């Protein structure tokens, strides 16, 4: 009995000494949430209610047809949403991701920070390119249709993983969408190996 309680005590001490509750890895996408009608979706050949990966040209064409002044922006991506939720519920979190050194990349970095999430994003380290974004088009019936351009996050790799922060975390949260690229899979395996150690 004493051995079991000692193990629990050791786990509590271990957790208390960690800086982060959760360390997450995943795609960084700026969510642009806007309202459209069914006709807009039909006119632009967008299949309602689905998430569709598109190239930059298609997303720019659709963005130009939307009233961006009446749209809301926030940092997103599947894992990012969970990591931000950890912070909003009072936990401490870290997010490892990749954005470009463009305006949306700066927005993403600032928005993560304002949500209380630490990250690997340092202005001097950001590469040239285009930050990923997701047009979230909502209709009156509350249906969401997503149009996603991954941009630079498609090249997310193990070089974005900060070992010290991961070692200083209780849990590792891995976004499943990373499995779609070779470098993403490599990053997942690398992070898992570090966490297990």
N, C-alpha and C. Protein backbone atom coordinates (compact mmCIF):
# COMPACT_ATOMS: atom_id res chain seq x y z
N UNK A 1 0.83 -1.20 0.00
CA UNK A 1 0.00 0.00 0.00
C UNK A 1 0.87 1.25 0.00
N UNK A 2 1.92 1.22 0.81
CA UNK A 2 2.82 2.38 0.90
C UNK A 2 3.49 2.63 -0.45
N UNK A 3 3.81 1.54 -1.16
CA UNK A 3 4.47 1.66 -2.47
C UNK A 3 3.55 2.37 -3.46
N UNK A 4 2.25 2.02 -3.46
CA UNK A 4 1.28 2.65 -4.36
C UNK A 4 1.15 4.13 -4.05
N UNK A 5 1.00 4.48 -2.77
CA UNK A 5 0.85 5.89 -2.40
C UNK A 5 2.13 6.68 -2.71
N UNK A 6 3.28 6.02 -2.59
CA UNK A 6 4.55 6.68 -2.93
C UNK A 6 4.61 6.97 -4.43
N UNK A 7 4.11 6.04 -5.25
CA UNK A 7 4.07 6.25 -6.70
C UNK A 7 3.17 7.42 -7.06
N UNK A 8 2.01 7.49 -6.41
CA UNK A 8 1.07 8.60 -6.65
C UNK A 8 1.72 9.92 -6.22
N UNK A 9 2.36 9.91 -5.09
CA UNK A 9 3.05 11.11 -4.59
C UNK A 9 4.13 11.56 -5.56
N UNK A 10 4.89 10.61 -6.09
CA UNK A 10 5.95 10.93 -7.06
C UNK A 10 5.36 11.54 -8.33
N UNK A 11 4.21 11.00 -8.77
CA UNK A 11 3.56 11.53 -9.98
C UNK A 11 3.08 12.96 -9.75
N UNK A 12 2.54 13.23 -8.57
CA UNK A 12 2.07 14.58 -8.26
C UNK A 12 3.23 15.56 -8.25
N UNK A 13 4.33 15.18 -7.62
CA UNK A 13 5.52 16.04 -7.57
C UNK A 13 6.05 16.27 -8.98
N UNK A 14 6.08 15.19 -9.80
CA UNK A 14 6.55 15.28 -11.19
C UNK A 14 5.71 16.29 -11.96
N UNK A 15 4.38 16.20 -11.82
CA UNK A 15 3.49 17.09 -12.55
C UNK A 15 3.61 18.53 -12.06
N UNK A 16 3.80 18.71 -10.76
CA UNK A 16 3.92 20.06 -10.20
C UNK A 16 5.17 20.76 -10.70
N UNK A 17 6.18 19.98 -11.05
CA UNK A 17 7.44 20.56 -11.51
C UNK A 17 7.47 20.84 -13.01
N UNK A 18 6.42 20.53 -13.71
CA UNK A 18 6.35 20.77 -15.14
C UNK A 18 5.80 22.16 -15.42
N UNK A 19 6.36 22.82 -16.44
CA UNK A 19 5.91 24.16 -16.81
C UNK A 19 4.59 24.12 -17.58
N UNK A 20 4.44 23.11 -18.46
CA UNK A 20 3.25 23.03 -19.31
C UNK A 20 2.43 21.78 -19.01
N UNK A 21 1.11 21.93 -19.02
CA UNK A 21 0.24 20.77 -18.93
C UNK A 21 0.25 20.00 -20.25
N UNK A 22 0.17 20.74 -21.37
CA UNK A 22 0.08 20.09 -22.68
C UNK A 22 0.98 20.79 -23.69
N UNK A 23 1.72 19.98 -24.44
CA UNK A 23 2.54 20.44 -25.57
C UNK A 23 1.88 19.90 -26.82
N UNK A 24 1.50 20.77 -27.73
CA UNK A 24 0.82 20.33 -28.95
C UNK A 24 1.63 20.56 -30.19
N UNK A 25 1.45 19.68 -31.18
CA UNK A 25 2.06 19.89 -32.50
C UNK A 25 0.97 19.76 -33.55
N UNK A 26 1.03 20.62 -34.57
CA UNK A 26 0.01 20.55 -35.62
C UNK A 26 0.11 21.68 -36.62
N UNK A 27 -0.87 21.74 -37.49
CA UNK A 27 -0.92 22.75 -38.54
C UNK A 27 -1.40 24.09 -37.99
N UNK A 28 -0.76 25.15 -38.46
CA UNK A 28 -1.16 26.51 -38.09
C UNK A 28 -1.95 27.11 -39.24
N UNK A 29 -3.22 27.38 -38.99
CA UNK A 29 -4.09 27.98 -40.00
C UNK A 29 -4.82 29.17 -39.41
N UNK A 30 -4.80 30.28 -40.12
CA UNK A 30 -5.60 31.43 -39.69
C UNK A 30 -7.03 31.16 -40.17
N UNK A 31 -7.96 31.06 -39.21
CA UNK A 31 -9.37 30.86 -39.55
C UNK A 31 -10.00 32.21 -39.88
N UNK A 32 -10.61 32.28 -41.06
CA UNK A 32 -11.33 33.48 -41.47
C UNK A 32 -12.80 33.09 -41.56
N UNK A 33 -13.56 33.53 -40.57
CA UNK A 33 -14.96 33.12 -40.45
C UNK A 33 -15.86 34.20 -41.04
N UNK A 34 -16.70 33.79 -41.99
CA UNK A 34 -17.54 34.76 -42.67
C UNK A 34 -18.91 34.14 -42.97
N UNK A 35 -19.90 34.98 -43.21
CA UNK A 35 -21.23 34.50 -43.55
C UNK A 35 -21.46 34.62 -45.05
N UNK A 36 -22.00 33.56 -45.63
CA UNK A 36 -22.35 33.56 -47.05
C UNK A 36 -23.74 32.93 -47.19
N UNK A 37 -24.28 32.96 -48.39
CA UNK A 37 -25.55 32.26 -48.62
C UNK A 37 -25.31 31.07 -49.55
N UNK A 38 -26.34 30.26 -49.71
CA UNK A 38 -26.21 29.06 -50.54
C UNK A 38 -25.86 29.41 -51.99
N UNK A 39 -26.38 30.53 -52.46
CA UNK A 39 -26.10 30.95 -53.84
C UNK A 39 -24.61 31.22 -54.03
N UNK A 40 -23.98 31.84 -53.01
CA UNK A 40 -22.55 32.11 -53.08
C UNK A 40 -21.78 30.79 -53.28
N UNK A 41 -22.14 29.78 -52.50
CA UNK A 41 -21.47 28.48 -52.60
C UNK A 41 -21.69 27.86 -53.98
N UNK A 42 -22.91 27.96 -54.47
CA UNK A 42 -23.22 27.41 -55.80
C UNK A 42 -22.46 28.15 -56.90
N UNK A 43 -22.46 29.49 -56.81
CA UNK A 43 -21.79 30.31 -57.83
C UNK A 43 -20.29 30.02 -57.91
N UNK A 44 -19.71 29.61 -56.79
CA UNK A 44 -18.26 29.37 -56.76
C UNK A 44 -17.91 27.88 -56.72
N UNK A 45 -18.90 27.04 -57.05
CA UNK A 45 -18.68 25.58 -57.11
C UNK A 45 -18.06 25.03 -55.84
N UNK A 46 -18.58 25.46 -54.70
CA UNK A 46 -18.08 24.99 -53.40
C UNK A 46 -19.11 24.02 -52.83
N UNK A 47 -18.66 22.82 -52.49
CA UNK A 47 -19.58 21.82 -51.95
C UNK A 47 -19.87 22.14 -50.48
N UNK A 48 -21.12 22.34 -50.18
CA UNK A 48 -21.56 22.78 -48.86
C UNK A 48 -21.30 21.72 -47.79
N UNK A 49 -20.86 22.21 -46.61
CA UNK A 49 -20.73 21.35 -45.43
C UNK A 49 -19.46 20.54 -45.36
N UNK A 50 -18.55 20.72 -46.30
CA UNK A 50 -17.31 19.94 -46.31
C UNK A 50 -16.08 20.81 -46.07
N UNK A 51 -14.97 20.16 -45.72
CA UNK A 51 -13.67 20.83 -45.69
C UNK A 51 -12.94 20.38 -46.95
N UNK A 52 -12.54 21.35 -47.76
CA UNK A 52 -11.86 21.05 -49.02
C UNK A 52 -10.49 21.72 -49.03
N UNK A 53 -9.46 20.93 -49.34
CA UNK A 53 -8.12 21.50 -49.52
C UNK A 53 -8.05 22.11 -50.90
N UNK A 54 -7.56 23.35 -50.97
CA UNK A 54 -7.47 24.05 -52.25
C UNK A 54 -6.08 24.66 -52.41
N UNK A 55 -5.77 25.08 -53.64
CA UNK A 55 -4.50 25.76 -53.86
C UNK A 55 -4.68 27.26 -53.59
N UNK A 56 -3.58 27.97 -53.59
CA UNK A 56 -3.61 29.40 -53.26
C UNK A 56 -4.48 30.19 -54.24
N UNK A 57 -4.40 29.86 -55.53
CA UNK A 57 -5.15 30.59 -56.55
C UNK A 57 -6.65 30.50 -56.30
N UNK A 58 -7.15 29.30 -56.02
CA UNK A 58 -8.58 29.13 -55.76
C UNK A 58 -9.02 29.85 -54.50
N UNK A 59 -8.18 29.76 -53.45
CA UNK A 59 -8.58 30.41 -52.21
C UNK A 59 -8.58 31.93 -52.37
N UNK A 60 -7.62 32.46 -53.11
CA UNK A 60 -7.57 33.91 -53.35
C UNK A 60 -8.80 34.36 -54.14
N UNK A 61 -9.17 33.58 -55.14
CA UNK A 61 -10.36 33.90 -55.95
C UNK A 61 -11.61 33.98 -55.06
N UNK A 62 -11.78 33.01 -54.18
CA UNK A 62 -12.96 32.99 -53.30
C UNK A 62 -12.87 34.11 -52.26
N UNK A 63 -11.66 34.33 -51.71
CA UNK A 63 -11.46 35.41 -50.71
C UNK A 63 -11.83 36.77 -51.30
N UNK A 64 -11.47 36.98 -52.56
CA UNK A 64 -11.76 38.27 -53.21
C UNK A 64 -13.26 38.50 -53.38
N UNK A 65 -14.04 37.43 -53.38
CA UNK A 65 -15.50 37.56 -53.54
C UNK A 65 -16.21 37.73 -52.21
N UNK A 66 -15.47 37.59 -51.11
CA UNK A 66 -16.05 37.69 -49.77
C UNK A 66 -15.82 39.09 -49.20
N UNK A 67 -16.77 39.57 -48.41
CA UNK A 67 -16.58 40.86 -47.72
C UNK A 67 -15.71 40.61 -46.50
N UNK A 68 -14.40 40.77 -46.68
CA UNK A 68 -13.45 40.47 -45.61
C UNK A 68 -13.58 41.42 -44.42
N UNK A 69 -14.14 42.61 -44.64
CA UNK A 69 -14.33 43.56 -43.54
C UNK A 69 -15.34 43.06 -42.52
N UNK A 70 -16.25 42.18 -42.95
CA UNK A 70 -17.25 41.62 -42.04
C UNK A 70 -16.90 40.20 -41.62
N UNK A 71 -15.63 39.84 -41.74
CA UNK A 71 -15.17 38.51 -41.35
C UNK A 71 -14.36 38.59 -40.07
N UNK A 72 -14.37 37.51 -39.31
CA UNK A 72 -13.58 37.43 -38.08
C UNK A 72 -12.39 36.52 -38.30
N UNK A 73 -11.23 36.93 -37.76
CA UNK A 73 -10.03 36.10 -37.89
C UNK A 73 -9.57 35.63 -36.52
N UNK A 74 -9.05 34.40 -36.47
CA UNK A 74 -8.43 33.89 -35.25
C UNK A 74 -7.48 32.77 -35.64
N UNK A 75 -6.50 32.54 -34.77
CA UNK A 75 -5.58 31.45 -35.06
C UNK A 75 -6.30 30.13 -34.84
N UNK A 76 -6.05 29.19 -35.73
CA UNK A 76 -6.74 27.92 -35.65
C UNK A 76 -5.91 26.77 -36.16
N UNK A 77 -6.61 25.73 -36.58
CA UNK A 77 -6.01 24.44 -36.87
C UNK A 77 -6.51 23.51 -35.78
N UNK A 78 -6.69 22.27 -36.10
CA UNK A 78 -7.29 21.30 -35.17
C UNK A 78 -6.59 21.27 -33.82
N UNK A 79 -5.29 21.06 -33.82
CA UNK A 79 -4.55 20.97 -32.54
C UNK A 79 -4.51 22.32 -31.83
N UNK A 80 -4.35 23.39 -32.60
CA UNK A 80 -4.29 24.73 -32.00
C UNK A 80 -5.56 25.02 -31.20
N UNK A 81 -6.71 24.63 -31.74
CA UNK A 81 -7.98 24.86 -31.04
C UNK A 81 -7.98 24.16 -29.68
N UNK A 82 -7.45 22.94 -29.64
CA UNK A 82 -7.40 22.18 -28.38
C UNK A 82 -6.40 22.80 -27.40
N UNK A 83 -5.27 23.22 -27.91
CA UNK A 83 -4.22 23.81 -27.07
C UNK A 83 -4.69 25.14 -26.48
N UNK A 84 -5.40 25.92 -27.29
CA UNK A 84 -5.96 27.19 -26.79
C UNK A 84 -7.01 26.91 -25.72
N UNK A 85 -7.83 25.87 -25.94
CA UNK A 85 -8.85 25.51 -24.95
C UNK A 85 -8.20 25.15 -23.61
N UNK A 86 -7.07 24.45 -23.64
CA UNK A 86 -6.34 24.12 -22.39
C UNK A 86 -6.04 25.40 -21.63
N UNK A 87 -5.52 26.40 -22.35
CA UNK A 87 -5.18 27.67 -21.72
C UNK A 87 -6.42 28.38 -21.19
N UNK A 88 -7.50 28.38 -21.97
CA UNK A 88 -8.73 29.06 -21.57
C UNK A 88 -9.40 28.41 -20.36
N UNK A 89 -9.14 27.10 -20.16
CA UNK A 89 -9.68 26.41 -18.99
C UNK A 89 -8.73 26.46 -17.79
N UNK A 90 -7.67 27.29 -17.92
CA UNK A 90 -6.79 27.50 -16.77
C UNK A 90 -5.51 26.68 -16.78
N UNK A 91 -5.28 25.89 -17.82
CA UNK A 91 -4.05 25.11 -17.92
C UNK A 91 -2.94 25.91 -18.57
N UNK A 92 -1.76 25.30 -18.64
CA UNK A 92 -0.64 25.94 -19.33
C UNK A 92 -0.31 25.09 -20.56
N UNK A 93 -0.07 25.77 -21.69
CA UNK A 93 0.13 25.02 -22.93
C UNK A 93 1.18 25.66 -23.82
N UNK A 94 1.71 24.80 -24.70
CA UNK A 94 2.73 25.20 -25.67
C UNK A 94 2.33 24.62 -27.02
N UNK A 95 2.48 25.43 -28.08
CA UNK A 95 2.12 24.94 -29.41
C UNK A 95 3.28 25.06 -30.37
N UNK A 96 3.63 23.94 -30.98
CA UNK A 96 4.69 23.89 -31.98
C UNK A 96 4.04 23.84 -33.36
N UNK A 97 4.33 24.86 -34.19
CA UNK A 97 3.67 24.96 -35.49
C UNK A 97 4.57 25.72 -36.45
N UNK A 98 4.05 26.02 -37.64
CA UNK A 98 4.86 26.73 -38.63
C UNK A 98 4.01 27.75 -39.37
N UNK A 99 4.45 29.02 -39.33
CA UNK A 99 3.83 30.09 -40.10
C UNK A 99 4.93 30.81 -40.88
N UNK A 100 4.53 31.62 -41.84
CA UNK A 100 5.50 32.37 -42.65
C UNK A 100 5.74 33.75 -42.04
N UNK A 101 6.74 34.44 -42.58
CA UNK A 101 7.04 35.78 -42.09
C UNK A 101 6.20 36.83 -42.82
N UNK A 102 4.92 36.56 -42.96
CA UNK A 102 4.00 37.50 -43.61
C UNK A 102 3.04 38.09 -42.56
N UNK A 103 2.11 38.88 -43.02
CA UNK A 103 1.17 39.56 -42.11
C UNK A 103 0.33 38.56 -41.31
N UNK A 104 -0.15 37.50 -41.97
CA UNK A 104 -0.97 36.51 -41.27
C UNK A 104 -0.14 35.70 -40.28
N UNK A 105 1.14 35.49 -40.60
CA UNK A 105 2.03 34.79 -39.67
C UNK A 105 2.22 35.59 -38.39
N UNK A 106 2.38 36.89 -38.54
CA UNK A 106 2.52 37.77 -37.38
C UNK A 106 1.21 37.78 -36.58
N UNK A 107 0.08 37.81 -37.29
CA UNK A 107 -1.22 37.76 -36.62
C UNK A 107 -1.35 36.47 -35.81
N UNK A 108 -0.97 35.35 -36.40
CA UNK A 108 -1.10 34.05 -35.74
C UNK A 108 -0.28 34.02 -34.46
N UNK A 109 0.96 34.47 -34.56
CA UNK A 109 1.86 34.49 -33.41
C UNK A 109 1.28 35.35 -32.28
N UNK A 110 0.78 36.53 -32.63
CA UNK A 110 0.21 37.45 -31.65
C UNK A 110 -1.05 36.89 -31.02
N UNK A 111 -1.91 36.26 -31.85
CA UNK A 111 -3.17 35.72 -31.35
C UNK A 111 -2.93 34.54 -30.41
N UNK A 112 -1.97 33.67 -30.74
CA UNK A 112 -1.61 32.56 -29.84
C UNK A 112 -1.19 33.12 -28.48
N UNK A 113 -0.32 34.12 -28.54
CA UNK A 113 0.20 34.73 -27.33
C UNK A 113 -0.91 35.38 -26.50
N UNK A 114 -1.85 36.04 -27.17
CA UNK A 114 -2.94 36.70 -26.43
C UNK A 114 -3.89 35.68 -25.81
N UNK A 115 -3.85 34.45 -26.31
CA UNK A 115 -4.65 33.37 -25.73
C UNK A 115 -3.87 32.61 -24.65
N UNK A 116 -2.70 33.13 -24.28
CA UNK A 116 -1.93 32.55 -23.19
C UNK A 116 -1.15 31.30 -23.56
N UNK A 117 -0.89 31.11 -24.86
CA UNK A 117 -0.18 29.92 -25.32
C UNK A 117 1.24 30.30 -25.74
N UNK A 118 2.23 29.61 -25.18
CA UNK A 118 3.62 29.78 -25.61
C UNK A 118 3.82 28.99 -26.89
N UNK A 119 4.81 29.39 -27.70
CA UNK A 119 5.04 28.68 -28.96
C UNK A 119 6.49 28.79 -29.40
N UNK A 120 6.78 28.09 -30.48
CA UNK A 120 8.11 28.11 -31.07
C UNK A 120 8.28 29.27 -32.05
N UNK A 121 7.27 30.10 -32.21
CA UNK A 121 7.29 31.15 -33.22
C UNK A 121 8.09 32.37 -32.76
N UNK A 122 9.24 32.54 -33.36
CA UNK A 122 10.09 33.71 -33.11
C UNK A 122 10.22 34.45 -34.44
N UNK A 123 9.99 35.76 -34.44
CA UNK A 123 9.96 36.54 -35.68
C UNK A 123 11.20 36.33 -36.54
N UNK A 124 12.36 36.27 -35.89
CA UNK A 124 13.61 36.15 -36.67
C UNK A 124 13.80 34.78 -37.31
N UNK A 125 13.04 33.79 -36.84
CA UNK A 125 13.17 32.42 -37.36
C UNK A 125 12.16 32.08 -38.44
N UNK A 126 11.17 32.95 -38.66
CA UNK A 126 10.11 32.63 -39.61
C UNK A 126 10.61 32.71 -41.05
N UNK A 127 10.25 31.70 -41.84
CA UNK A 127 10.68 31.63 -43.23
C UNK A 127 9.76 32.44 -44.14
N UNK A 128 10.29 32.79 -45.32
CA UNK A 128 9.46 33.45 -46.33
C UNK A 128 8.45 32.42 -46.85
N UNK A 129 7.27 32.90 -47.18
CA UNK A 129 6.23 32.01 -47.70
C UNK A 129 4.86 32.57 -47.40
N UNK A 130 3.88 31.69 -47.41
CA UNK A 130 2.49 32.10 -47.17
C UNK A 130 1.94 31.30 -46.00
N UNK A 131 1.44 32.00 -45.01
CA UNK A 131 0.82 31.34 -43.85
C UNK A 131 -0.48 30.67 -44.29
N UNK A 132 -0.71 29.47 -43.79
CA UNK A 132 -1.93 28.72 -44.13
C UNK A 132 -3.17 29.41 -43.59
N UNK A 133 -4.28 29.23 -44.31
CA UNK A 133 -5.54 29.84 -43.85
C UNK A 133 -6.72 28.98 -44.25
N UNK A 134 -7.76 29.14 -43.48
CA UNK A 134 -8.99 28.38 -43.71
C UNK A 134 -10.17 29.34 -43.76
N UNK A 135 -10.83 29.40 -44.91
CA UNK A 135 -12.05 30.19 -45.03
C UNK A 135 -13.19 29.34 -44.45
N UNK A 136 -13.81 29.83 -43.40
CA UNK A 136 -14.92 29.12 -42.77
C UNK A 136 -16.18 29.88 -43.15
N UNK A 137 -16.90 29.33 -44.11
CA UNK A 137 -18.09 30.01 -44.63
C UNK A 137 -19.34 29.42 -43.98
N UNK A 138 -20.05 30.26 -43.25
CA UNK A 138 -21.26 29.79 -42.56
C UNK A 138 -22.50 30.32 -43.28
N UNK A 139 -23.52 29.48 -43.31
CA UNK A 139 -24.78 29.87 -43.93
C UNK A 139 -25.85 30.01 -42.86
N UNK A 140 -27.02 30.52 -43.23
CA UNK A 140 -28.09 30.80 -42.26
C UNK A 140 -28.52 29.57 -41.47
N UNK A 141 -28.36 28.39 -42.05
CA UNK A 141 -28.75 27.16 -41.34
C UNK A 141 -27.65 26.65 -40.41
N UNK A 142 -26.64 27.49 -40.17
CA UNK A 142 -25.51 27.19 -39.26
C UNK A 142 -24.58 26.11 -39.80
N UNK A 143 -24.65 25.84 -41.09
CA UNK A 143 -23.74 24.89 -41.72
C UNK A 143 -22.40 25.57 -41.98
N UNK A 144 -21.31 24.83 -41.71
CA UNK A 144 -19.96 25.37 -41.95
C UNK A 144 -19.35 24.67 -43.17
N UNK A 145 -18.81 25.47 -44.06
CA UNK A 145 -18.11 24.96 -45.24
C UNK A 145 -16.69 25.54 -45.19
N UNK A 146 -15.70 24.66 -45.20
CA UNK A 146 -14.32 25.11 -45.04
C UNK A 146 -13.51 24.92 -46.31
N UNK A 147 -12.72 25.92 -46.59
CA UNK A 147 -11.89 25.97 -47.79
C UNK A 147 -10.47 26.25 -47.30
N UNK A 148 -9.59 25.24 -47.33
CA UNK A 148 -8.30 25.35 -46.65
C UNK A 148 -7.11 25.32 -47.61
N UNK A 149 -6.23 26.30 -47.44
CA UNK A 149 -4.95 26.33 -48.13
C UNK A 149 -3.87 26.19 -47.05
N UNK A 150 -3.11 25.10 -47.09
CA UNK A 150 -2.15 24.82 -46.02
C UNK A 150 -0.96 25.77 -46.00
N UNK A 151 -0.54 26.26 -47.17
CA UNK A 151 0.60 27.17 -47.20
C UNK A 151 1.84 26.55 -46.60
N UNK A 152 2.59 27.33 -45.86
CA UNK A 152 3.88 26.90 -45.32
C UNK A 152 3.76 25.80 -44.27
N UNK A 153 2.60 25.67 -43.64
CA UNK A 153 2.44 24.63 -42.62
C UNK A 153 2.56 23.22 -43.22
N UNK A 154 2.42 23.12 -44.54
CA UNK A 154 2.57 21.84 -45.22
C UNK A 154 4.00 21.30 -45.08
N UNK A 155 4.94 22.21 -44.81
CA UNK A 155 6.34 21.78 -44.66
C UNK A 155 6.75 21.66 -43.18
N UNK A 156 5.75 21.59 -42.29
CA UNK A 156 6.04 21.39 -40.86
C UNK A 156 6.92 20.15 -40.70
N UNK A 157 7.98 20.28 -39.88
CA UNK A 157 8.91 19.16 -39.71
C UNK A 157 9.41 19.10 -38.27
N UNK A 158 10.26 18.13 -38.00
CA UNK A 158 10.75 17.97 -36.62
C UNK A 158 11.62 19.14 -36.18
N UNK A 159 12.08 19.97 -37.12
CA UNK A 159 12.90 21.13 -36.72
C UNK A 159 12.07 22.17 -35.98
N UNK A 160 10.73 22.10 -36.09
CA UNK A 160 9.86 23.03 -35.36
C UNK A 160 9.62 22.58 -33.91
N UNK A 161 10.01 21.38 -33.58
CA UNK A 161 9.77 20.85 -32.23
C UNK A 161 10.87 21.33 -31.28
N UNK A 162 10.46 21.96 -30.20
CA UNK A 162 11.41 22.47 -29.21
C UNK A 162 11.50 21.46 -28.07
N UNK A 163 12.61 20.74 -28.05
CA UNK A 163 12.78 19.62 -27.12
C UNK A 163 12.65 20.04 -25.66
N UNK A 164 13.23 21.18 -25.31
CA UNK A 164 13.21 21.62 -23.91
C UNK A 164 11.77 21.84 -23.43
N UNK A 165 10.95 22.47 -24.26
CA UNK A 165 9.55 22.73 -23.88
C UNK A 165 8.75 21.42 -23.81
N UNK A 166 9.04 20.50 -24.72
CA UNK A 166 8.35 19.21 -24.71
C UNK A 166 8.70 18.42 -23.45
N UNK A 167 9.97 18.44 -23.08
CA UNK A 167 10.39 17.74 -21.87
C UNK A 167 9.79 18.37 -20.62
N UNK A 168 9.41 19.63 -20.73
CA UNK A 168 8.86 20.36 -19.59
C UNK A 168 7.33 20.33 -19.60
N UNK A 169 6.75 19.31 -20.27
CA UNK A 169 5.30 19.19 -20.39
C UNK A 169 4.82 17.85 -19.85
N UNK A 170 3.60 17.86 -19.31
CA UNK A 170 3.00 16.62 -18.81
C UNK A 170 2.52 15.71 -19.94
N UNK A 171 1.91 16.32 -20.95
CA UNK A 171 1.31 15.55 -22.03
C UNK A 171 1.73 16.10 -23.39
N UNK A 172 1.77 15.21 -24.38
CA UNK A 172 1.99 15.58 -25.77
C UNK A 172 0.70 15.35 -26.53
N UNK A 173 0.26 16.35 -27.28
CA UNK A 173 -0.96 16.26 -28.09
C UNK A 173 -0.54 16.35 -29.56
N UNK A 174 -0.85 15.31 -30.34
CA UNK A 174 -0.44 15.26 -31.75
C UNK A 174 -1.66 15.37 -32.65
N UNK A 175 -1.61 16.29 -33.60
CA UNK A 175 -2.70 16.44 -34.56
C UNK A 175 -2.60 15.36 -35.64
N UNK A 176 -3.68 14.64 -35.83
CA UNK A 176 -3.70 13.53 -36.79
C UNK A 176 -3.46 13.95 -38.23
N UNK A 177 -3.84 15.19 -38.59
CA UNK A 177 -3.68 15.63 -39.97
C UNK A 177 -2.21 15.66 -40.42
N UNK A 178 -1.27 15.67 -39.48
CA UNK A 178 0.15 15.67 -39.85
C UNK A 178 0.56 14.40 -40.59
N UNK A 179 -0.25 13.37 -40.48
CA UNK A 179 0.07 12.09 -41.12
C UNK A 179 0.04 12.20 -42.65
N UNK A 180 -0.55 13.27 -43.18
CA UNK A 180 -0.69 13.39 -44.63
C UNK A 180 0.60 13.78 -45.35
N UNK A 181 1.64 14.14 -44.61
CA UNK A 181 2.92 14.45 -45.27
C UNK A 181 4.05 13.65 -44.63
N UNK A 182 5.08 13.36 -45.42
CA UNK A 182 6.20 12.57 -44.92
C UNK A 182 6.93 13.28 -43.78
N UNK A 183 7.18 14.58 -43.97
CA UNK A 183 7.89 15.34 -42.93
C UNK A 183 7.02 15.48 -41.68
N UNK A 184 5.70 15.56 -41.87
CA UNK A 184 4.78 15.61 -40.73
C UNK A 184 4.81 14.32 -39.94
N UNK A 185 4.82 13.19 -40.64
CA UNK A 185 4.91 11.88 -39.98
C UNK A 185 6.22 11.76 -39.20
N UNK A 186 7.29 12.24 -39.81
CA UNK A 186 8.60 12.19 -39.15
C UNK A 186 8.59 13.02 -37.88
N UNK A 187 7.94 14.19 -37.95
CA UNK A 187 7.84 15.07 -36.78
C UNK A 187 7.03 14.40 -35.67
N UNK A 188 5.94 13.73 -36.04
CA UNK A 188 5.10 13.03 -35.07
C UNK A 188 5.90 11.95 -34.34
N UNK A 189 6.63 11.16 -35.11
CA UNK A 189 7.42 10.07 -34.52
C UNK A 189 8.52 10.61 -33.62
N UNK A 190 9.14 11.70 -34.06
CA UNK A 190 10.21 12.33 -33.27
C UNK A 190 9.67 12.84 -31.93
N UNK A 191 8.54 13.54 -31.99
CA UNK A 191 7.93 14.08 -30.76
C UNK A 191 7.50 12.97 -29.82
N UNK A 192 6.92 11.91 -30.38
CA UNK A 192 6.47 10.76 -29.59
C UNK A 192 7.66 10.09 -28.89
N UNK A 193 8.75 9.96 -29.60
CA UNK A 193 9.96 9.34 -29.04
C UNK A 193 10.50 10.18 -27.87
N UNK A 194 10.53 11.50 -28.05
CA UNK A 194 11.00 12.40 -26.99
C UNK A 194 10.08 12.32 -25.78
N UNK A 195 8.77 12.30 -26.04
CA UNK A 195 7.80 12.26 -24.94
C UNK A 195 7.91 10.94 -24.17
N UNK A 196 8.08 9.85 -24.88
CA UNK A 196 8.20 8.54 -24.20
C UNK A 196 9.45 8.45 -23.35
N UNK A 197 10.52 9.10 -23.82
CA UNK A 197 11.79 9.10 -23.06
C UNK A 197 11.66 9.89 -21.78
